[in-house]
Amino acid sequence: MKMKNVKSILLAASLALVLPFTKTFAQSGHHDAEGHEMHQEQAASPEFKDKKLETAYQHYLHLKTALVASDANEAKKGAEMLATSLKEVSNATEAQKVASKIAQTTSLDKQREAFITLSESMGDLVKGALSSGAIYKAYCPMVNNNQGAYWLSESKEIRNPYFGDKMLKCGSVKEELN
């Protein structure tokens, strides 16, 4: 066998071993729509007085990140976990219903539309519920037929869940919840 063919076979074998892990690695960090790692200005992760609400908030972030990435299937999974966790949180009936609605569709447009109401409900739940850290309440004026909408974020850096890579940085932080 020629050396060039051996190198090609070795390269293909190496890629076959490495590629399955790249998706897992990419999902573990924060990446933009093109897959580039994002460096976020981030405060210490918020800690909640109620650990059940903290778990729900982490699922909310999972859902939000999936919407930023325009991944409807992952958004569905995040919404399912959020809906389940919200059953354990006091005064979360409205948020739980909306999360269940998001979990029932793979339409990105419908998920994003319902995320407006979900974010309002989650904002009400987390306000005053932190024992340390901060959550950022971001706003995009162009969402909802230019009526605007909010979302919650772990970072001051804008990653718009309503438009994804079409308008990734559209919006601004309006409030810091702590």
C-alpha atoms as a PDB file:
ATOM      1  CA  MET A   1       0.000   0.000   0.000  1.00  0.00           C
ATOM      2  CA  LYS A   2       1.269   3.471  -0.800  1.00  0.00           C
ATOM      3  CA  MET A   3       2.160   5.809   2.067  1.00  0.00           C
ATOM      4  CA  LYS A   4      -0.451   8.352   0.907  1.00  0.00           C
ATOM      5  CA  ASN A   5      -3.236   5.740   1.189  1.00  0.00           C
ATOM      6  CA  VAL A   6      -2.033   4.677   4.645  1.00  0.00           C
ATOM      7  CA  LYS A   7      -2.141   8.315   5.810  1.00  0.00           C
ATOM      8  CA  SER A   8      -5.656   8.704   4.406  1.00  0.00           C
ATOM      9  CA  ILE A   9      -6.848   5.571   6.175  1.00  0.00           C
ATOM     10  CA  LEU A  10      -5.261   6.672   9.460  1.00  0.00           C
ATOM     11  CA  LEU A  11      -6.842  10.122   9.155  1.00  0.00           C
ATOM     12  CA  ALA A  12     -10.283   8.634   8.449  1.00  0.00           C
ATOM     13  CA  ALA A  13      -9.941   6.236  11.386  1.00  0.00           C
ATOM     14  CA  SER A  14      -8.879   9.059  13.691  1.00  0.00           C
ATOM     15  CA  LEU A  15     -11.841  11.179  12.638  1.00  0.00           C
ATOM     16  CA  ALA A  16     -14.200   8.267  13.164  1.00  0.00           C
ATOM     17  CA  LEU A  17     -12.971   7.984  16.732  1.00  0.00           C
ATOM     18  CA  VAL A  18     -12.992  11.708  17.511  1.00  0.00           C
ATOM     19  CA  LEU A  19     -16.161  12.998  15.792  1.00  0.00           C
ATOM     20  CA  PRO A  20     -18.687  11.327  18.113  1.00  0.00           C
ATOM     21  CA  PHE A  21     -17.142  13.224  21.026  1.00  0.00           C
ATOM     22  CA  THR A  22     -17.118  16.634  19.359  1.00  0.00           C
ATOM     23  CA  LYS A  23     -20.904  17.007  19.554  1.00  0.00           C
ATOM     24  CA  THR A  24     -20.861  16.205  23.265  1.00  0.00           C
ATOM     25  CA  PHE A  25     -17.992  18.633  23.815  1.00  0.00           C
ATOM     26  CA  ALA A  26     -19.723  21.367  21.808  1.00  0.00           C
ATOM     27  CA  GLN A  27     -22.870  20.962  23.882  1.00  0.00           C
ATOM     28  CA  SER A  28     -20.988  21.227  27.162  1.00  0.00           C
ATOM     29  CA  GLY A  29     -19.712  24.750  26.515  1.00  0.00           C
ATOM     30  CA  HIS A  30     -21.370  27.875  25.236  1.00  0.00           C
ATOM     31  CA  HIS A  31     -21.158  28.258  21.462  1.00  0.00           C
ATOM     32  CA  ASP A  32     -22.613  30.657  18.974  1.00  0.00           C
ATOM     33  CA  ALA A  33     -24.676  29.663  15.963  1.00  0.00           C
ATOM     34  CA  GLU A  34     -21.556  28.810  13.965  1.00  0.00           C
ATOM     35  CA  GLY A  35     -20.175  26.605  16.742  1.00  0.00           C
ATOM     36  CA  HIS A  36     -17.499  29.046  17.925  1.00  0.00           C
ATOM     37  CA  GLU A  37     -16.902  29.065  21.641  1.00  0.00           C
ATOM     38  CA  MET A  38     -18.354  32.139  23.309  1.00  0.00           C
ATOM     39  CA  HIS A  39     -16.639  33.900  26.167  1.00  0.00           C
ATOM     40  CA  GLN A  40     -19.285  35.380  28.369  1.00  0.00           C
ATOM     41  CA  GLU A  41     -19.092  38.040  31.002  1.00  0.00           C
ATOM     42  CA  GLN A  42     -20.668  36.044  33.741  1.00  0.00           C
ATOM     43  CA  ALA A  43     -21.170  36.553  37.448  1.00  0.00           C
ATOM     44  CA  ALA A  44     -21.057  33.667  39.862  1.00  0.00           C
ATOM     45  CA  SER A  45     -23.877  31.244  39.161  1.00  0.00           C
ATOM     46  CA  PRO A  46     -26.943  32.265  41.103  1.00  0.00           C
ATOM     47  CA  GLU A  47     -27.860  30.239  44.141  1.00  0.00           C
ATOM     48  CA  PHE A  48     -31.470  29.985  45.171  1.00  0.00           C
ATOM     49  CA  LYS A  49     -33.106  29.788  48.569  1.00  0.00           C
ATOM     50  CA  ASP A  50     -35.288  26.994  47.115  1.00  0.00           C
ATOM     51  CA  LYS A  51     -33.265  24.220  45.446  1.00  0.00           C
ATOM     52  CA  LYS A  52     -36.328  23.038  43.483  1.00  0.00           C
ATOM     53  CA  LEU A  53     -36.608  26.481  41.888  1.00  0.00           C
ATOM     54  CA  GLU A  54     -32.874  26.416  41.188  1.00  0.00           C
ATOM     55  CA  THR A  55     -33.314  23.130  39.313  1.00  0.00           C
ATOM     56  CA  ALA A  56     -36.216  24.583  37.334  1.00  0.00           C
ATOM     57  CA  TYR A  57     -34.153  27.662  36.462  1.00  0.00           C
ATOM     58  CA  GLN A  58     -31.357  25.441  35.126  1.00  0.00           C
ATOM     59  CA  HIS A  59     -33.902  23.720  32.850  1.00  0.00           C
ATOM     60  CA  TYR A  60     -35.169  27.153  31.760  1.00  0.00           C
ATOM     61  CA  LEU A  61     -31.577  28.011  30.751  1.00  0.00           C
ATOM     62  CA  HIS A  62     -31.358  24.730  28.824  1.00  0.00           C
ATOM     63  CA  LEU A  63     -34.509  25.681  26.928  1.00  0.00           C
ATOM     64  CA  LYS A  64     -33.290  29.246  26.328  1.00  0.00           C
ATOM     65  CA  THR A  65     -29.925  28.012  25.025  1.00  0.00           C
ATOM     66  CA  ALA A  66     -31.676  25.614  22.639  1.00  0.00           C
ATOM     67  CA  LEU A  67     -33.801  28.487  21.304  1.00  0.00           C
ATOM     68  CA  VAL A  68     -30.682  30.632  20.831  1.00  0.00           C
ATOM     69  CA  ALA A  69     -29.242  27.753  18.798  1.00  0.00           C
ATOM     70  CA  SER A  70     -32.562  27.403  16.892  1.00  0.00           C
ATOM     71  CA  ASP A  71     -32.711  23.737  17.930  1.00  0.00           C
ATOM     72  CA  ALA A  72     -36.416  22.921  18.274  1.00  0.00           C
ATOM     73  CA  ASN A  73     -35.843  19.298  19.311  1.00  0.00           C
ATOM     74  CA  GLU A  74     -33.473  20.287  22.118  1.00  0.00           C
ATOM     75  CA  ALA A  75     -35.878  23.063  23.138  1.00  0.00           C
ATOM     76  CA  LYS A  76     -38.613  20.432  23.392  1.00  0.00           C
ATOM     77  CA  LYS A  77     -36.408  18.327  25.698  1.00  0.00           C
ATOM     78  CA  GLY A  78     -35.529  21.323  27.861  1.00  0.00           C
ATOM     79  CA  ALA A  79     -39.186  22.323  28.107  1.00  0.00           C
ATOM     80  CA  GLU A  80     -40.180  18.777  29.121  1.00  0.00           C
ATOM     81  CA  MET A  81     -37.615  18.802  31.949  1.00  0.00           C
ATOM     82  CA  LEU A  82     -38.681  22.306  32.965  1.00  0.00           C
ATOM     83  CA  ALA A  83     -42.375  21.381  33.046  1.00  0.00           C
ATOM     84  CA  THR A  84     -41.612  18.355  35.213  1.00  0.00           C
ATOM     85  CA  SER A  85     -39.424  20.313  37.636  1.00  0.00           C
ATOM     86  CA  LEU A  86     -41.942  23.167  37.939  1.00  0.00           C
ATOM     87  CA  LYS A  87     -44.512  20.725  39.364  1.00  0.00           C
ATOM     88  CA  GLU A  88     -42.375  20.782  42.526  1.00  0.00           C
ATOM     89  CA  VAL A  89     -42.180  24.614  42.755  1.00  0.00           C
ATOM     90  CA  SER A  90     -44.679  26.736  44.676  1.00  0.00           C
ATOM     91  CA  ASN A  91     -46.781  29.181  42.621  1.00  0.00           C
ATOM     92  CA  ALA A  92     -45.444  27.798  39.336  1.00  0.00           C
ATOM     93  CA  THR A  93     -48.692  26.553  37.786  1.00  0.00           C
ATOM     94  CA  GLU A  94     -48.717  29.113  34.956  1.00  0.00           C
ATOM     95  CA  ALA A  95     -45.027  28.563  34.093  1.00  0.00           C
ATOM     96  CA  GLN A  96     -45.558  24.794  34.213  1.00  0.00           C
ATOM     97  CA  LYS A  97     -48.485  25.009  31.768  1.00  0.00           C
ATOM     98  CA  VAL A  98     -46.499  27.127  29.308  1.00  0.00           C
ATOM     99  CA  ALA A  99     -43.435  24.872  29.547  1.00  0.00           C
ATOM    100  CA  SER A 100     -45.719  21.882  28.811  1.00  0.00           C
ATOM    101  CA  LYS A 101     -47.089  23.728  25.777  1.00  0.00           C
ATOM    102  CA  ILE A 102     -43.544  24.310  24.473  1.00  0.00           C
ATOM    103  CA  ALA A 103     -42.733  20.635  25.075  1.00  0.00           C
ATOM    104  CA  GLN A 104     -45.656  19.582  22.859  1.00  0.00           C
ATOM    105  CA  THR A 105     -44.308  21.149  19.668  1.00  0.00           C
ATOM    106  CA  THR A 106     -41.222  21.104  17.495  1.00  0.00           C
ATOM    107  CA  SER A 107     -42.259  24.324  15.774  1.00  0.00           C
ATOM    108  CA  LEU A 108     -39.515  26.812  16.615  1.00  0.00           C
ATOM    109  CA  ASP A 109     -41.878  29.734  15.978  1.00  0.00           C
ATOM    110  CA  LYS A 110     -44.501  28.358  18.397  1.00  0.00           C
ATOM    111  CA  GLN A 111     -41.830  27.564  20.987  1.00  0.00           C
ATOM    112  CA  ARG A 112     -40.440  31.087  20.798  1.00  0.00           C
ATOM    113  CA  GLU A 113     -43.913  32.625  20.976  1.00  0.00           C
ATOM    114  CA  ALA A 114     -44.737  30.675  24.143  1.00  0.00           C
ATOM    115  CA  PHE A 115     -41.291  31.462  25.572  1.00  0.00           C
ATOM    116  CA  ILE A 116     -42.431  35.095  25.935  1.00  0.00           C
ATOM    117  CA  THR A 117     -45.070  34.112  28.491  1.00  0.00           C
ATOM    118  CA  LEU A 118     -42.790  31.527  30.100  1.00  0.00           C
ATOM    119  CA  SER A 119     -40.060  34.120  30.635  1.00  0.00           C
ATOM    120  CA  GLU A 120     -42.522  36.502  32.300  1.00  0.00           C
ATOM    121  CA  SER A 121     -43.684  33.733  34.658  1.00  0.00           C
ATOM    122  CA  MET A 122     -40.149  32.579  35.419  1.00  0.00           C
ATOM    123  CA  GLY A 123     -39.122  36.189  36.085  1.00  0.00           C
ATOM    124  CA  ASP A 124     -41.859  36.446  38.704  1.00  0.00           C
ATOM    125  CA  LEU A 125     -40.730  33.165  40.291  1.00  0.00           C
ATOM    126  CA  VAL A 126     -37.024  33.995  40.549  1.00  0.00           C
ATOM    127  CA  LYS A 127     -37.351  37.613  41.638  1.00  0.00           C
ATOM    128  CA  GLY A 128     -36.317  37.753  45.295  1.00  0.00           C
ATOM    129  CA  ALA A 129     -35.570  34.007  45.343  1.00  0.00           C
ATOM    130  CA  LEU A 130     -31.760  34.197  45.188  1.00  0.00           C
ATOM    131  CA  SER A 131     -29.451  33.718  48.139  1.00  0.00           C
ATOM    132  CA  SER A 132     -26.417  34.822  46.071  1.00  0.00           C
ATOM    133  CA  GLY A 133     -25.407  35.705  42.523  1.00  0.00           C
ATOM    134  CA  ALA A 134     -27.547  37.408  39.905  1.00  0.00           C
ATOM    135  CA  ILE A 135     -29.891  36.713  37.019  1.00  0.00           C
ATOM    136  CA  TYR A 136     -30.109  39.197  34.174  1.00  0.00           C
ATOM    137  CA  LYS A 137     -33.427  40.211  32.681  1.00  0.00           C
ATOM    138  CA  ALA A 138     -32.795  41.001  29.013  1.00  0.00           C
ATOM    139  CA  TYR A 139     -35.152  42.674  26.552  1.00  0.00           C
ATOM    140  CA  CYS A 140     -35.540  42.703  22.784  1.00  0.00           C
ATOM    141  CA  PRO A 141     -37.781  45.460  21.378  1.00  0.00           C
ATOM    142  CA  MET A 142     -38.351  43.665  18.065  1.00  0.00           C
ATOM    143  CA  VAL A 143     -39.995  40.497  19.414  1.00  0.00           C
ATOM    144  CA  ASN A 144     -43.734  39.954  19.343  1.00  0.00           C
ATOM    145  CA  ASN A 145     -44.457  42.234  16.360  1.00  0.00           C
ATOM    146  CA  ASN A 146     -42.277  45.005  17.805  1.00  0.00           C
ATOM    147  CA  GLN A 147     -44.091  44.921  21.154  1.00  0.00           C
ATOM    148  CA  GLY A 148     -40.915  43.573  22.763  1.00  0.00           C
ATOM    149  CA  ALA A 149     -40.281  40.726  25.182  1.00  0.00           C
ATOM    150  CA  TYR A 150     -37.991  39.733  28.027  1.00  0.00           C
ATOM    151  CA  TRP A 151     -35.960  36.655  28.861  1.00  0.00           C
ATOM    152  CA  LEU A 152     -33.737  35.611  31.740  1.00  0.00           C
ATOM    153  CA  SER A 153     -30.019  35.043  31.360  1.00  0.00           C
ATOM    154  CA  GLU A 154     -27.056  33.868  33.364  1.00  0.00           C
ATOM    155  CA  SER A 155     -24.889  36.449  31.597  1.00  0.00           C
ATOM    156  CA  LYS A 156     -24.936  40.121  30.657  1.00  0.00           C
ATOM    157  CA  GLU A 157     -23.935  39.093  27.134  1.00  0.00           C
ATOM    158  CA  ILE A 158     -26.949  39.152  24.818  1.00  0.00           C
ATOM    159  CA  ARG A 159     -27.833  35.862  23.116  1.00  0.00           C
ATOM    160  CA  ASN A 160     -31.353  36.381  21.801  1.00  0.00           C
ATOM    161  CA  PRO A 161     -33.563  33.263  22.086  1.00  0.00           C
ATOM    162  CA  TYR A 162     -36.310  34.818  19.965  1.00  0.00           C
ATOM    163  CA  PHE A 163     -34.285  35.264  16.788  1.00  0.00           C
ATOM    164  CA  GLY A 164     -31.267  32.969  17.235  1.00  0.00           C
ATOM    165  CA  ASP A 165     -28.496  33.572  14.726  1.00  0.00           C
ATOM    166  CA  LYS A 166     -30.692  35.903  12.653  1.00  0.00           C
ATOM    167  CA  MET A 167     -30.360  38.610  15.319  1.00  0.00           C
ATOM    168  CA  LEU A 168     -28.185  36.979  17.964  1.00  0.00           C
ATOM    169  CA  LYS A 169     -27.162  40.162  19.749  1.00  0.00           C
ATOM    170  CA  CYS A 170     -30.419  42.114  19.483  1.00  0.00           C
ATOM    171  CA  GLY A 171     -31.437  43.318  22.919  1.00  0.00           C
ATOM    172  CA  SER A 172     -30.077  44.700  26.152  1.00  0.00           C
ATOM    173  CA  VAL A 173     -30.030  43.905  29.861  1.00  0.00           C
ATOM    174  CA  LYS A 174     -32.803  45.869  31.572  1.00  0.00           C
ATOM    175  CA  GLU A 175     -32.558  44.571  35.113  1.00  0.00           C
ATOM    176  CA  GLU A 176     -30.325  42.564  37.414  1.00  0.00           C
ATOM    177  CA  LEU A 177     -32.280  40.268  39.703  1.00  0.00           C
ATOM    178  CA  ASN A 178     -30.601  39.272  42.949  1.00  0.00           C
END
